[in-house]
N, C-alpha and C. Protein backbone atom coordinates (compact mmCIF):
# COMPACT_ATOMS: atom_id res chain seq x y z
N MET A 1 -3.60 3.18 8.76
CA MET A 1 -2.80 4.15 9.49
C MET A 1 -2.00 3.44 10.56
N ASP A 2 -0.90 3.98 10.84
CA ASP A 2 0.00 3.37 11.79
C ASP A 2 -0.42 3.73 13.22
N LYS A 3 -0.32 2.74 14.12
CA LYS A 3 -0.80 2.87 15.50
C LYS A 3 -0.15 4.05 16.20
N ARG A 4 1.15 4.28 15.95
CA ARG A 4 1.85 5.39 16.57
C ARG A 4 1.19 6.72 16.22
N LEU A 5 0.85 6.88 14.96
CA LEU A 5 0.22 8.13 14.52
C LEU A 5 -1.15 8.29 15.16
N LEU A 6 -1.92 7.21 15.22
CA LEU A 6 -3.22 7.27 15.88
C LEU A 6 -3.07 7.64 17.35
N ASP A 7 -2.11 7.03 18.01
CA ASP A 7 -1.87 7.34 19.42
C ASP A 7 -1.50 8.80 19.60
N GLU A 8 -0.63 9.28 18.72
CA GLU A 8 -0.18 10.67 18.83
C GLU A 8 -1.34 11.64 18.58
N LEU A 9 -2.14 11.37 17.54
CA LEU A 9 -3.28 12.24 17.24
C LEU A 9 -4.29 12.24 18.38
N SER A 10 -4.63 11.07 18.87
CA SER A 10 -5.62 11.01 19.94
C SER A 10 -5.07 11.66 21.22
N ALA A 11 -3.77 11.49 21.48
CA ALA A 11 -3.17 12.12 22.66
C ALA A 11 -3.21 13.64 22.55
N ARG A 12 -2.89 14.16 21.39
CA ARG A 12 -2.91 15.62 21.20
C ARG A 12 -4.32 16.18 21.31
N LEU A 13 -5.28 15.50 20.67
CA LEU A 13 -6.66 15.98 20.74
C LEU A 13 -7.19 15.92 22.16
N ALA A 14 -6.91 14.84 22.86
CA ALA A 14 -7.37 14.70 24.24
C ALA A 14 -6.68 15.72 25.15
N GLY A 15 -5.41 16.04 24.86
CA GLY A 15 -4.66 17.00 25.65
C GLY A 15 -5.20 18.42 25.51
N LEU A 16 -5.91 18.69 24.44
CA LEU A 16 -6.47 20.03 24.24
C LEU A 16 -7.67 20.30 25.14
N MET A 17 -8.27 19.26 25.64
CA MET A 17 -9.48 19.41 26.46
C MET A 17 -9.10 19.50 27.94
N PRO A 18 -9.49 20.61 28.59
CA PRO A 18 -9.20 20.71 30.03
C PRO A 18 -10.13 19.79 30.81
N ALA A 19 -9.57 18.75 31.38
CA ALA A 19 -10.38 17.80 32.13
C ALA A 19 -9.50 17.08 33.12
N ALA A 20 -10.11 16.39 34.03
CA ALA A 20 -9.37 15.58 35.00
C ALA A 20 -8.68 14.44 34.26
N ASN A 21 -7.67 13.85 34.85
CA ASN A 21 -6.90 12.79 34.20
C ASN A 21 -7.79 11.62 33.78
N GLU A 22 -8.71 11.24 34.63
CA GLU A 22 -9.60 10.12 34.30
C GLU A 22 -10.45 10.46 33.08
N LEU A 23 -10.99 11.66 33.07
CA LEU A 23 -11.80 12.09 31.94
C LEU A 23 -10.94 12.19 30.69
N ARG A 24 -9.70 12.64 30.86
CA ARG A 24 -8.78 12.75 29.72
C ARG A 24 -8.52 11.38 29.11
N GLN A 25 -8.30 10.36 29.94
CA GLN A 25 -8.05 9.01 29.43
C GLN A 25 -9.29 8.49 28.68
N GLU A 26 -10.46 8.73 29.24
CA GLU A 26 -11.69 8.30 28.60
C GLU A 26 -11.88 9.03 27.27
N THR A 27 -11.61 10.33 27.29
CA THR A 27 -11.74 11.12 26.06
C THR A 27 -10.75 10.64 25.01
N ARG A 28 -9.53 10.38 25.44
CA ARG A 28 -8.51 9.90 24.51
C ARG A 28 -8.94 8.59 23.86
N ALA A 29 -9.47 7.67 24.65
CA ALA A 29 -9.93 6.39 24.11
C ALA A 29 -11.05 6.61 23.11
N LYS A 30 -11.97 7.52 23.42
CA LYS A 30 -13.07 7.78 22.49
C LYS A 30 -12.58 8.45 21.21
N VAL A 31 -11.65 9.38 21.36
CA VAL A 31 -11.09 10.04 20.18
C VAL A 31 -10.38 9.03 19.30
N GLU A 32 -9.58 8.15 19.90
CA GLU A 32 -8.87 7.13 19.14
C GLU A 32 -9.85 6.20 18.44
N GLN A 33 -10.90 5.81 19.15
CA GLN A 33 -11.92 4.94 18.56
C GLN A 33 -12.59 5.65 17.38
N THR A 34 -12.90 6.93 17.53
CA THR A 34 -13.54 7.69 16.47
C THR A 34 -12.61 7.82 15.26
N LEU A 35 -11.33 8.10 15.52
CA LEU A 35 -10.36 8.19 14.43
C LEU A 35 -10.25 6.87 13.67
N LYS A 36 -10.15 5.78 14.40
CA LYS A 36 -10.04 4.47 13.76
C LYS A 36 -11.27 4.19 12.91
N HIS A 37 -12.44 4.48 13.45
CA HIS A 37 -13.68 4.24 12.70
C HIS A 37 -13.71 5.11 11.44
N GLY A 38 -13.34 6.38 11.59
CA GLY A 38 -13.34 7.28 10.44
C GLY A 38 -12.35 6.83 9.37
N LEU A 39 -11.20 6.38 9.78
CA LEU A 39 -10.20 5.92 8.82
C LEU A 39 -10.63 4.63 8.14
N ARG A 40 -11.30 3.75 8.88
CA ARG A 40 -11.84 2.53 8.27
C ARG A 40 -12.86 2.89 7.19
N GLU A 41 -13.69 3.89 7.49
CA GLU A 41 -14.69 4.33 6.52
C GLU A 41 -14.03 4.88 5.26
N LEU A 42 -12.87 5.51 5.41
CA LEU A 42 -12.15 6.05 4.27
C LEU A 42 -11.39 4.97 3.50
N ASP A 43 -11.35 3.78 4.05
CA ASP A 43 -10.64 2.65 3.45
C ASP A 43 -9.15 2.97 3.29
N VAL A 44 -8.55 3.49 4.36
CA VAL A 44 -7.14 3.83 4.38
C VAL A 44 -6.33 2.58 4.74
N LEU A 45 -5.23 2.38 4.04
CA LEU A 45 -4.37 1.24 4.32
C LEU A 45 -3.45 1.53 5.51
N THR A 46 -3.12 0.47 6.23
CA THR A 46 -2.09 0.62 7.25
C THR A 46 -0.74 0.66 6.52
N ARG A 47 0.29 1.08 7.22
CA ARG A 47 1.63 1.13 6.62
C ARG A 47 2.06 -0.26 6.18
N GLU A 48 1.74 -1.27 7.01
CA GLU A 48 2.12 -2.64 6.68
C GLU A 48 1.41 -3.11 5.41
N GLU A 49 0.11 -2.79 5.29
CA GLU A 49 -0.63 -3.16 4.10
C GLU A 49 -0.08 -2.45 2.86
N PHE A 50 0.25 -1.17 3.03
CA PHE A 50 0.82 -0.41 1.91
C PHE A 50 2.14 -1.02 1.47
N ASP A 51 3.01 -1.33 2.44
CA ASP A 51 4.31 -1.92 2.12
C ASP A 51 4.15 -3.27 1.41
N ALA A 52 3.19 -4.08 1.86
CA ALA A 52 2.95 -5.38 1.23
C ALA A 52 2.48 -5.18 -0.21
N GLN A 53 1.60 -4.21 -0.43
CA GLN A 53 1.12 -3.92 -1.79
C GLN A 53 2.26 -3.41 -2.67
N ALA A 54 3.12 -2.59 -2.10
CA ALA A 54 4.27 -2.06 -2.86
C ALA A 54 5.21 -3.20 -3.27
N ARG A 55 5.44 -4.15 -2.36
CA ARG A 55 6.30 -5.29 -2.69
C ARG A 55 5.65 -6.15 -3.78
N ALA A 56 4.34 -6.36 -3.69
CA ALA A 56 3.64 -7.15 -4.71
C ALA A 56 3.72 -6.45 -6.06
N LEU A 57 3.58 -5.14 -6.06
CA LEU A 57 3.68 -4.38 -7.30
C LEU A 57 5.08 -4.47 -7.88
N ASP A 58 6.09 -4.40 -7.05
CA ASP A 58 7.48 -4.54 -7.52
C ASP A 58 7.70 -5.91 -8.16
N ARG A 59 7.18 -6.96 -7.51
CA ARG A 59 7.32 -8.31 -8.07
C ARG A 59 6.59 -8.42 -9.41
N ALA A 60 5.40 -7.84 -9.50
CA ALA A 60 4.64 -7.88 -10.75
C ALA A 60 5.38 -7.12 -11.85
N GLN A 61 5.94 -5.96 -11.52
CA GLN A 61 6.69 -5.18 -12.51
C GLN A 61 7.91 -5.95 -12.99
N GLN A 62 8.59 -6.63 -12.08
CA GLN A 62 9.75 -7.44 -12.46
C GLN A 62 9.34 -8.56 -13.41
N ARG A 63 8.21 -9.19 -13.12
CA ARG A 63 7.73 -10.28 -13.98
C ARG A 63 7.34 -9.75 -15.35
N VAL A 64 6.70 -8.58 -15.40
CA VAL A 64 6.34 -7.97 -16.68
C VAL A 64 7.60 -7.70 -17.50
N ASN A 65 8.63 -7.18 -16.86
CA ASN A 65 9.90 -6.92 -17.56
C ASN A 65 10.50 -8.22 -18.11
N GLU A 66 10.45 -9.28 -17.30
CA GLU A 66 10.97 -10.58 -17.75
C GLU A 66 10.18 -11.09 -18.96
N LEU A 67 8.86 -10.96 -18.92
CA LEU A 67 8.03 -11.43 -20.02
C LEU A 67 8.23 -10.58 -21.27
N GLU A 68 8.43 -9.28 -21.10
CA GLU A 68 8.71 -8.42 -22.27
C GLU A 68 10.01 -8.84 -22.94
N THR A 69 11.01 -9.17 -22.15
CA THR A 69 12.29 -9.64 -22.69
C THR A 69 12.11 -10.96 -23.42
N LEU A 70 11.36 -11.87 -22.82
CA LEU A 70 11.10 -13.16 -23.44
C LEU A 70 10.38 -13.00 -24.78
N ILE A 71 9.38 -12.14 -24.81
CA ILE A 71 8.62 -11.92 -26.05
C ILE A 71 9.53 -11.31 -27.12
N ALA A 72 10.36 -10.36 -26.74
CA ALA A 72 11.28 -9.74 -27.70
C ALA A 72 12.23 -10.80 -28.27
N ASN A 73 12.74 -11.70 -27.43
CA ASN A 73 13.63 -12.77 -27.90
C ASN A 73 12.89 -13.72 -28.84
N LEU A 74 11.68 -14.07 -28.49
CA LEU A 74 10.90 -14.98 -29.36
C LEU A 74 10.58 -14.31 -30.69
N GLU A 75 10.24 -13.03 -30.67
CA GLU A 75 9.96 -12.31 -31.92
C GLU A 75 11.20 -12.26 -32.80
N SER A 76 12.35 -12.06 -32.18
CA SER A 76 13.61 -12.02 -32.92
C SER A 76 13.90 -13.38 -33.55
N ARG A 77 13.71 -14.44 -32.79
CA ARG A 77 13.94 -15.80 -33.32
C ARG A 77 12.97 -16.10 -34.45
N LEU A 78 11.73 -15.68 -34.31
CA LEU A 78 10.73 -15.91 -35.35
C LEU A 78 11.11 -15.15 -36.62
N ALA A 79 11.56 -13.91 -36.49
CA ALA A 79 11.97 -13.13 -37.65
C ALA A 79 13.14 -13.79 -38.35
N THR A 80 14.09 -14.32 -37.57
CA THR A 80 15.24 -15.02 -38.15
C THR A 80 14.79 -16.25 -38.92
N LEU A 81 13.89 -17.02 -38.35
CA LEU A 81 13.37 -18.22 -39.01
C LEU A 81 12.62 -17.86 -40.28
N GLU A 82 11.85 -16.79 -40.24
CA GLU A 82 11.09 -16.36 -41.42
C GLU A 82 12.02 -15.91 -42.54
N GLN A 83 13.15 -15.30 -42.17
CA GLN A 83 14.12 -14.89 -43.18
C GLN A 83 14.83 -16.09 -43.80
N GLN A 84 15.07 -17.11 -42.99
CA GLN A 84 15.74 -18.30 -43.48
C GLN A 84 14.84 -19.16 -44.34
N HIS A 85 13.54 -19.13 -44.04
CA HIS A 85 12.56 -19.95 -44.76
C HIS A 85 11.40 -19.08 -45.21
N PRO A 86 11.59 -18.25 -46.21
CA PRO A 86 10.49 -17.38 -46.63
C PRO A 86 9.35 -18.21 -47.21
N GLN A 87 8.15 -17.75 -47.00
CA GLN A 87 6.98 -18.46 -47.52
C GLN A 87 6.72 -18.03 -48.94
N SER A 88 6.23 -19.00 -49.75
CA SER A 88 6.02 -18.70 -51.15
C SER A 88 4.72 -18.00 -51.40
């Protein structure tokens, strides 16, 4: 999860509790800590981790496409060779 979202969630939750400013800051820190712990338990990716995985997936898909093209070309060449030199 992105830090901005965690900050916003913890700020909103802490703002709902009527308390002195010092208590509010302490509550906010505890809420943020609890949210982070809960999200870690859920194995949620950060935005940066998600973006990195998306880029890796794009690169893998591009490589698969390149290999599919290469295989199609090789199969075509093999078919041409087999037509030129049929086996008895």
